């Protein structure tokens, strides 16, 4: 059987049992670790999984074509991740990249808004069930072991604020402002004014309401605006978890726009997921069900665009495994509140999001995904020549009287 032969080649570690629709049992792996047992409920689902496992496994789980007899999805995905080294990565050739760029990642204004709405216009009550109270939906920063999610998300905001070198009275642009948490924290910490732009109507409503409730609406302003339509200049620009939605064909235009918006002595910090293996494909199930139009860039695809835009890379930081720990915390909170989430949406939606959170965590633990933070400037002397100022600013911002909320 072709499927059995393939699975025996790629599942060499762990303890996986698969029950086929015929009743046949496949035992895979070396028997190590927690056992996982799954059943494929029909020949149709078996054929779909065999033909396209990258799409078929997630779809089968969503529609109960794949069910668990022992263990759970987190255990299965971790087992698959531990065996990732036994199967080659699929690299994107030039022709495939050209086709995908134009078909899936062009992200013109109308498509960009539609793609954002698909994910970010879900109910804020849903996101509150697994995010921290500030609704930070991006990689947290764990400065030492044992840090909880709330503290790690505060540390992430403080880390970004330190790199921005904020000064009282500056104008800050937040590209992809989410539900407003970072913008509000910057306003409270450093007495700057922030313009936050988003393409999500749900995020905009929440961010604006939060600013009004905090009495900060005059200095934390939010709008439904495409970054391509923003007018500058700005002293500081920050973008967290938005660059993944730009689309590879738009990288040059994105950094050209950042350069055009940034004041001559300005600083920008771009925080994004990246991939270590070089240019590749977006995982097809993720592209269809979770992030249409999204793409995780390799730094080799980003840096030439930064250089052509006339920007100087003042600092690069790679956050390894921080997002794996963030996703683990989200997944655990999601499971703890699964019944409430099912009442907001339904059980199929829960299975879809469970699968998304699990495979995303696996990508950061086993498949070379990481987060990069690029600090950009126009002038060589804008940023201090050593990184000591980052720790100094973090210590100052973390004091109780000035703590980033």
Protein backbone atom coordinates (compact mmCIF):
# COMPACT_ATOMS: atom_id res chain seq x y z
CA UNK A 1 0.00 0.00 0.00
CA UNK A 2 1.55 3.29 -1.11
CA UNK A 3 0.24 5.26 1.88
CA UNK A 4 1.57 2.72 4.36
CA UNK A 5 4.97 2.70 2.68
CA UNK A 6 5.12 6.50 2.74
CA UNK A 7 4.05 6.76 6.39
CA UNK A 8 6.63 4.20 7.48
CA UNK A 9 9.33 6.29 5.83
CA UNK A 10 8.33 9.58 7.42
CA UNK A 11 7.01 8.49 10.85
CA UNK A 12 10.09 6.92 12.47
CA UNK A 13 9.79 8.36 15.99
CA UNK A 14 6.89 8.24 18.42
CA UNK A 15 3.98 5.82 18.78
CA UNK A 16 1.18 6.31 16.23
CA UNK A 17 -1.57 3.83 15.47
CA UNK A 18 -3.88 4.47 12.52
CA UNK A 19 -7.12 2.54 12.04
CA UNK A 20 -8.14 2.43 8.37
CA UNK A 21 -11.78 2.23 7.19
CA UNK A 22 -11.24 -1.50 6.45
CA UNK A 23 -10.37 -2.07 10.11
CA UNK A 24 -6.67 -2.59 9.36
CA UNK A 25 -4.31 -1.11 11.94
CA UNK A 26 -1.06 0.61 10.94
CA UNK A 27 1.51 0.91 13.72
CA UNK A 28 4.07 3.62 13.03
CA UNK A 29 7.14 4.96 14.82
CA UNK A 30 9.59 3.48 17.29
CA UNK A 31 7.15 3.30 20.20
CA UNK A 32 8.64 6.24 22.10
CA UNK A 33 6.67 9.00 23.75
CA UNK A 34 2.95 9.32 24.47
CA UNK A 35 0.87 7.00 22.25
CA UNK A 36 -1.54 8.50 19.72
CA UNK A 37 -4.26 6.50 17.99
CA UNK A 38 -6.45 7.85 15.20
CA UNK A 39 -9.15 6.38 12.98
CA UNK A 40 -10.00 7.38 9.41
CA UNK A 41 -13.77 7.06 9.13
CA UNK A 42 -14.28 6.46 5.40
CA UNK A 43 -12.49 5.48 2.20
CA UNK A 44 -13.26 8.92 0.81
CA UNK A 45 -11.34 10.60 3.61
CA UNK A 46 -8.51 8.11 3.33
CA UNK A 47 -8.19 8.91 -0.37
CA UNK A 48 -8.23 12.66 0.26
CA UNK A 49 -5.58 12.44 2.96
CA UNK A 50 -3.39 10.18 0.83
CA UNK A 51 -3.70 12.47 -2.20
CA UNK A 52 -2.98 15.73 -0.36
CA UNK A 53 -2.02 15.31 3.31
CA UNK A 54 -1.18 19.01 3.73
CA UNK A 55 -4.84 19.83 3.07
CA UNK A 56 -6.57 16.54 3.81
CA UNK A 57 -5.57 16.00 7.45
CA UNK A 58 -6.97 19.35 8.58
CA UNK A 59 -10.14 19.01 6.53
CA UNK A 60 -10.69 15.46 7.77
CA UNK A 61 -10.38 16.55 11.39
CA UNK A 62 -12.72 19.50 10.88
CA UNK A 63 -15.41 17.25 9.36
CA UNK A 64 -14.84 14.25 11.64
CA UNK A 65 -13.23 12.13 8.95
CA UNK A 66 -10.30 11.75 11.34
CA UNK A 67 -11.11 10.99 14.98
CA UNK A 68 -8.98 10.18 18.00
CA UNK A 69 -9.11 6.87 19.83
CA UNK A 70 -6.18 7.85 22.06
CA UNK A 71 -4.39 11.14 22.57
CA UNK A 72 -5.35 14.42 20.93
CA UNK A 73 -4.47 16.74 18.08
CA UNK A 74 -1.67 18.46 19.99
CA UNK A 75 -0.01 15.09 20.54
CA UNK A 76 -0.45 14.07 16.89
CA UNK A 77 0.95 17.33 15.53
CA UNK A 78 3.90 17.22 17.92
CA UNK A 79 4.62 13.67 16.76
CA UNK A 80 4.47 14.79 13.13
CA UNK A 81 6.72 17.73 13.94
CA UNK A 82 9.33 15.52 15.60
CA UNK A 83 9.46 13.51 12.39
CA UNK A 84 9.71 16.55 10.12
CA UNK A 85 13.42 15.94 9.57
CA UNK A 86 12.58 12.67 7.82
CA UNK A 87 10.74 14.34 4.95
CA UNK A 88 12.17 17.00 2.66
CA UNK A 89 10.88 20.55 2.62
CA UNK A 90 9.00 21.59 -0.50
CA UNK A 91 10.83 24.54 -1.95
CA UNK A 92 9.10 26.98 -4.22
CA UNK A 93 10.62 27.26 -7.67
CA UNK A 94 10.57 30.54 -9.62
CA UNK A 95 7.56 29.59 -11.76
CA UNK A 96 5.54 28.40 -8.76
CA UNK A 97 6.36 31.59 -6.84
CA UNK A 98 5.36 33.72 -9.82
CA UNK A 99 2.00 31.93 -10.07
CA UNK A 100 1.25 32.03 -6.35
CA UNK A 101 2.27 35.67 -6.10
CA UNK A 102 -0.28 36.67 -8.70
CA UNK A 103 -3.01 34.24 -7.77
CA UNK A 104 -2.95 34.35 -3.97
CA UNK A 105 -0.73 37.14 -2.66
CA UNK A 106 -1.31 40.20 -4.83
CA UNK A 107 -3.44 41.69 -2.01
CA UNK A 108 -4.84 44.69 -3.85
CA UNK A 109 -6.91 46.95 -1.61
CA UNK A 110 -10.21 45.13 -2.00
CA UNK A 111 -8.63 41.69 -1.61
CA UNK A 112 -6.59 42.86 1.38
CA UNK A 113 -9.71 44.05 3.20
CA UNK A 114 -11.55 40.83 2.38
CA UNK A 115 -8.64 38.69 3.61
CA UNK A 116 -8.37 40.66 6.85
CA UNK A 117 -12.11 40.38 7.46
CA UNK A 118 -11.92 36.59 7.05
CA UNK A 119 -9.80 36.29 10.18
CA UNK A 120 -9.85 39.48 12.22
CA UNK A 121 -13.54 40.34 11.98
CA UNK A 122 -14.46 37.36 14.10
CA UNK A 123 -16.14 38.29 17.36
CA UNK A 124 -13.88 40.02 19.86
CA UNK A 125 -15.63 37.89 22.51
CA UNK A 126 -14.08 34.86 20.81
CA UNK A 127 -10.58 36.31 20.95
CA UNK A 128 -11.04 37.25 24.59
CA UNK A 129 -11.46 33.54 25.37
CA UNK A 130 -7.79 32.74 24.71
CA UNK A 131 -5.75 35.96 24.42
CA UNK A 132 -4.44 38.03 27.32
CA UNK A 133 -6.70 40.85 28.61
CA UNK A 134 -4.93 43.39 26.37
CA UNK A 135 -5.81 41.31 23.27
CA UNK A 136 -2.24 40.96 22.08
CA UNK A 137 -2.51 38.64 19.06
CA UNK A 138 1.18 38.34 18.21
CA UNK A 139 4.31 36.70 19.56
CA UNK A 140 4.95 37.43 23.23
CA UNK A 141 8.44 37.97 24.66
CA UNK A 142 9.54 35.60 27.42
CA UNK A 143 12.55 37.22 29.13
CA UNK A 144 13.13 34.24 31.44
CA UNK A 145 11.57 30.82 32.17
CA UNK A 146 8.36 30.73 34.13
CA UNK A 147 6.94 33.96 32.75
CA UNK A 148 3.17 33.86 32.21
CA UNK A 149 1.40 35.05 29.07
CA UNK A 150 0.27 38.40 30.50
CA UNK A 151 3.76 39.31 31.69
CA UNK A 152 5.30 38.11 28.42
CA UNK A 153 2.94 40.26 26.36
CA UNK A 154 3.74 43.30 28.51
CA UNK A 155 7.44 42.52 28.02
CA UNK A 156 6.89 42.36 24.23
CA UNK A 157 5.35 45.85 24.22
CA UNK A 158 8.10 47.20 26.45
CA UNK A 159 10.75 45.65 24.19
CA UNK A 160 9.23 47.33 21.14
CA UNK A 161 8.87 50.66 22.92
CA UNK A 162 12.54 50.53 23.91
CA UNK A 163 13.61 49.95 20.31
CA UNK A 164 11.46 52.83 19.09
CA UNK A 165 13.43 55.34 21.20
CA UNK A 166 10.28 57.30 21.96
CA UNK A 167 10.32 60.91 23.12
CA UNK A 168 7.51 63.07 24.43
CA UNK A 169 5.39 64.69 21.73
CA UNK A 170 6.42 62.42 18.86
CA UNK A 171 3.97 61.21 16.19
CA UNK A 172 3.82 57.42 15.92
CA UNK A 173 2.18 55.30 13.23
CA UNK A 174 1.01 51.78 14.15
CA UNK A 175 0.47 49.81 10.91
CA UNK A 176 -1.96 47.00 11.64
CA UNK A 177 -2.92 48.20 15.11
CA UNK A 178 -5.12 45.24 16.08
CA UNK A 179 -7.43 46.00 19.01
CA UNK A 180 -5.31 48.98 20.03
CA UNK A 181 -3.33 47.56 22.93
CA UNK A 182 0.15 48.54 21.74
CA UNK A 183 -0.90 52.03 20.69
CA UNK A 184 -2.58 52.71 24.02
CA UNK A 185 0.45 51.40 25.90
CA UNK A 186 2.82 53.69 23.97
CA UNK A 187 0.61 56.71 24.63
CA UNK A 188 0.43 55.94 28.35
CA UNK A 189 4.13 55.19 28.72
CA UNK A 190 5.78 57.98 26.76
CA UNK A 191 3.22 60.76 26.15
CA UNK A 192 3.36 60.38 22.38
CA UNK A 193 0.44 60.44 19.94
CA UNK A 194 -0.33 57.34 17.90
CA UNK A 195 -2.30 56.84 14.71
CA UNK A 196 -3.34 53.22 14.41
CA UNK A 197 -4.56 51.86 11.07
CA UNK A 198 -6.34 48.59 10.45
CA UNK A 199 -8.54 46.96 7.79
CA UNK A 200 -10.71 45.16 10.36
CA UNK A 201 -13.98 46.84 11.30
CA UNK A 202 -14.20 44.73 14.47
CA UNK A 203 -10.72 45.69 15.60
CA UNK A 204 -11.35 49.34 14.81
CA UNK A 205 -14.53 49.45 16.90
CA UNK A 206 -12.80 47.83 19.88
CA UNK A 207 -9.67 49.99 19.66
CA UNK A 208 -11.64 53.23 19.41
CA UNK A 209 -13.87 52.25 22.33
CA UNK A 210 -10.85 51.41 24.47
CA UNK A 211 -9.22 54.75 23.71
CA UNK A 212 -12.42 56.61 24.57
CA UNK A 213 -12.88 54.69 27.81
CA UNK A 214 -9.30 55.44 28.86
CA UNK A 215 -9.64 59.15 28.09
CA UNK A 216 -6.93 58.87 25.43
CA UNK A 217 -8.94 59.35 22.23
CA UNK A 218 -7.20 62.64 21.45
CA UNK A 219 -3.78 60.97 21.36
CA UNK A 220 -4.64 57.40 20.35
CA UNK A 221 -6.53 57.68 17.08
CA UNK A 222 -7.67 54.70 15.03
CA UNK A 223 -8.99 54.45 11.49
CA UNK A 224 -9.98 51.96 8.81
CA UNK A 225 -7.13 52.79 6.45
CA UNK A 226 -4.90 50.83 4.10
CA UNK A 227 -1.26 51.52 4.94
CA UNK A 228 -0.75 52.48 1.29
CA UNK A 229 -3.07 55.45 1.79
CA UNK A 230 -1.48 56.90 4.95
CA UNK A 231 0.05 60.38 4.80
CA UNK A 232 3.11 61.28 6.86
CA UNK A 233 5.58 62.11 8.06
CA UNK A 234 5.92 60.21 11.34
CA UNK A 235 8.71 60.27 13.88
CA UNK A 236 8.25 56.60 14.64
CA UNK A 237 6.59 53.70 12.84
CA UNK A 238 5.79 50.31 14.35
CA UNK A 239 4.14 47.30 12.76
CA UNK A 240 3.52 44.07 14.67
CA UNK A 241 2.17 40.92 13.03
CA UNK A 242 0.97 42.73 9.92
CA UNK A 243 3.80 42.20 7.44
CA UNK A 244 2.75 38.55 7.04
CA UNK A 245 -0.38 39.85 5.27
CA UNK A 246 1.38 42.20 2.84
CA UNK A 247 2.05 39.55 0.20
CA UNK A 248 5.38 38.99 -1.49
CA UNK A 249 4.56 41.04 -4.62
CA UNK A 250 4.08 44.10 -2.39
CA UNK A 251 7.27 43.96 -0.32
CA UNK A 252 9.03 46.68 -2.25
CA UNK A 253 5.99 48.96 -2.18
CA UNK A 254 5.64 48.35 1.56
CA UNK A 255 9.18 49.39 2.44
CA UNK A 256 9.07 52.27 -0.05
CA UNK A 257 5.98 53.49 1.80
CA UNK A 258 7.65 53.11 5.21
CA UNK A 259 10.58 55.16 3.91
CA UNK A 260 8.27 57.84 2.52
CA UNK A 261 6.32 58.09 5.80
CA UNK A 262 9.36 58.14 8.10
CA UNK A 263 10.87 61.46 9.18
CA UNK A 264 14.52 62.03 8.33
CA UNK A 265 15.61 61.22 11.90
CA UNK A 266 12.86 58.62 12.41
CA UNK A 267 12.93 55.01 13.57
CA UNK A 268 10.72 52.13 12.43
CA UNK A 269 10.39 48.69 14.01
CA UNK A 270 8.86 45.85 11.97
CA UNK A 271 7.92 42.70 13.90
CA UNK A 272 7.03 39.71 11.71
CA UNK A 273 7.08 35.95 11.49
CA UNK A 274 9.89 34.63 9.31
CA UNK A 275 11.08 31.31 7.95
CA UNK A 276 14.59 29.89 8.23
CA UNK A 277 14.57 27.60 5.19
CA UNK A 278 14.37 30.31 2.53
CA UNK A 279 11.51 31.12 0.13
CA UNK A 280 8.74 28.51 0.26
CA UNK A 281 4.96 28.07 0.13
CA UNK A 282 2.21 29.04 2.53
CA UNK A 283 0.83 25.85 4.07
CA UNK A 284 -2.25 25.22 1.87
CA UNK A 285 -4.74 24.47 4.66
CA UNK A 286 -3.70 27.69 6.44
CA UNK A 287 -4.04 29.65 3.19
CA UNK A 288 -7.58 28.39 2.60
CA UNK A 289 -9.10 28.38 6.07
CA UNK A 290 -7.14 30.78 8.28
CA UNK A 291 -5.01 33.40 6.49
CA UNK A 292 -5.96 33.84 2.84
CA UNK A 293 -3.40 36.01 1.09
CA UNK A 294 -0.82 35.47 3.83
CA UNK A 295 2.82 34.52 3.38
CA UNK A 296 5.66 34.01 5.87
CA UNK A 297 8.78 35.65 4.42
CA UNK A 298 12.38 34.57 4.47
CA UNK A 299 14.78 37.35 5.42
CA UNK A 300 16.44 36.87 2.03
CA UNK A 301 13.18 38.09 0.45
CA UNK A 302 12.89 41.09 2.78
CA UNK A 303 16.37 42.60 3.00
CA UNK A 304 16.80 43.52 -0.68
CA UNK A 305 13.55 45.49 -0.51
CA UNK A 306 14.71 47.33 2.62
CA UNK A 307 17.97 48.24 0.91
CA UNK A 308 16.28 49.44 -2.29
CA UNK A 309 13.95 51.62 -0.21
CA UNK A 310 16.98 53.50 1.11
CA UNK A 311 16.50 52.34 4.70
CA UNK A 312 19.32 51.36 7.04
CA UNK A 313 18.96 48.21 9.12
CA UNK A 314 19.99 49.47 12.55
CA UNK A 315 19.20 46.25 14.42
CA UNK A 316 17.94 42.73 13.70
CA UNK A 317 16.71 40.42 16.44
CA UNK A 318 15.51 36.85 15.98
CA UNK A 319 13.07 35.53 18.59
CA UNK A 320 13.39 31.74 18.60
CA UNK A 321 10.70 29.62 20.26
CA UNK A 322 8.97 32.65 21.79
CA UNK A 323 6.02 32.15 19.45
CA UNK A 324 5.93 28.42 20.19
CA UNK A 325 5.44 29.27 23.87
CA UNK A 326 2.86 31.94 22.99
CA UNK A 327 0.87 29.50 20.88
CA UNK A 328 1.05 26.86 23.60
CA UNK A 329 -0.49 29.33 26.06
CA UNK A 330 -3.21 30.28 23.56
CA UNK A 331 -3.96 26.62 22.79
CA UNK A 332 -4.30 25.76 26.48
CA UNK A 333 -6.62 28.71 27.09
CA UNK A 334 -8.61 27.83 23.97
CA UNK A 335 -9.13 24.28 25.26
CA UNK A 336 -10.10 25.54 28.71
CA UNK A 337 -12.81 27.72 27.13
CA UNK A 338 -13.80 25.40 24.29
CA UNK A 339 -17.41 24.98 25.41
CA UNK A 340 -17.95 28.75 25.47
CA UNK A 341 -16.30 29.14 22.05
CA UNK A 342 -18.55 26.42 20.63
CA UNK A 343 -21.55 28.41 21.82
CA UNK A 344 -20.25 31.49 19.97
CA UNK A 345 -19.59 29.50 16.78
CA UNK A 346 -19.82 25.68 16.63
CA UNK A 347 -17.90 22.46 17.19
CA UNK A 348 -16.49 22.39 13.63
CA UNK A 349 -15.10 25.91 14.11
CA UNK A 350 -13.44 24.72 17.33
CA UNK A 351 -11.79 21.81 15.55
CA UNK A 352 -10.59 24.14 12.81
CA UNK A 353 -9.00 26.55 15.28
CA UNK A 354 -7.57 23.74 17.38
CA UNK A 355 -5.82 22.41 14.29
CA UNK A 356 -4.58 25.90 13.37
CA UNK A 357 -3.11 26.52 16.82
CA UNK A 358 -1.48 23.09 16.91
CA UNK A 359 0.18 23.22 13.49
CA UNK A 360 1.30 26.79 14.10
CA UNK A 361 3.03 25.80 17.34
CA UNK A 362 4.66 22.89 15.53
CA UNK A 363 5.98 25.25 12.83
CA UNK A 364 7.89 27.22 15.46
CA UNK A 365 9.11 24.17 17.41
CA UNK A 366 10.09 21.90 14.54
CA UNK A 367 9.90 23.61 11.14
CA UNK A 368 12.22 26.59 11.43
CA UNK A 369 9.71 29.43 11.88
CA UNK A 370 10.78 32.35 14.06
CA UNK A 371 9.98 36.01 14.65
CA UNK A 372 12.24 38.80 13.47
CA UNK A 373 12.29 42.42 14.57
CA UNK A 374 13.87 44.86 12.12
CA UNK A 375 14.81 48.30 13.40
CA UNK A 376 15.08 50.69 10.46
CA UNK A 377 16.30 54.26 10.08
CA UNK A 378 17.27 56.72 7.37
CA UNK A 379 20.40 58.03 9.04
CA UNK A 380 23.37 56.04 10.27
CA UNK A 381 23.53 57.99 13.56
CA UNK A 382 19.84 57.91 14.54
CA UNK A 383 20.17 54.90 16.85
CA UNK A 384 22.86 54.49 19.59
CA UNK A 385 25.88 52.49 18.47
CA UNK A 386 25.47 49.80 21.16
CA UNK A 387 22.35 47.89 22.25
CA UNK A 388 22.67 48.88 25.92
CA UNK A 389 19.92 51.46 25.51
CA UNK A 390 17.33 48.70 24.96
CA UNK A 391 17.82 47.15 28.40
CA UNK A 392 18.05 50.61 30.00
CA UNK A 393 14.77 51.69 28.43
CA UNK A 394 13.06 48.42 29.36
CA UNK A 395 14.07 48.86 32.99
CA UNK A 396 12.76 52.42 33.00
CA UNK A 397 9.47 51.52 31.30
CA UNK A 398 8.89 48.57 33.63
CA UNK A 399 8.93 50.67 36.78
CA UNK A 400 5.50 50.73 38.44
CA UNK A 401 4.92 54.42 37.83
CA UNK A 402 5.55 54.02 34.10
CA UNK A 403 4.65 50.41 33.51
CA UNK A 404 3.33 49.67 30.02
CA UNK A 405 -0.24 48.58 30.65
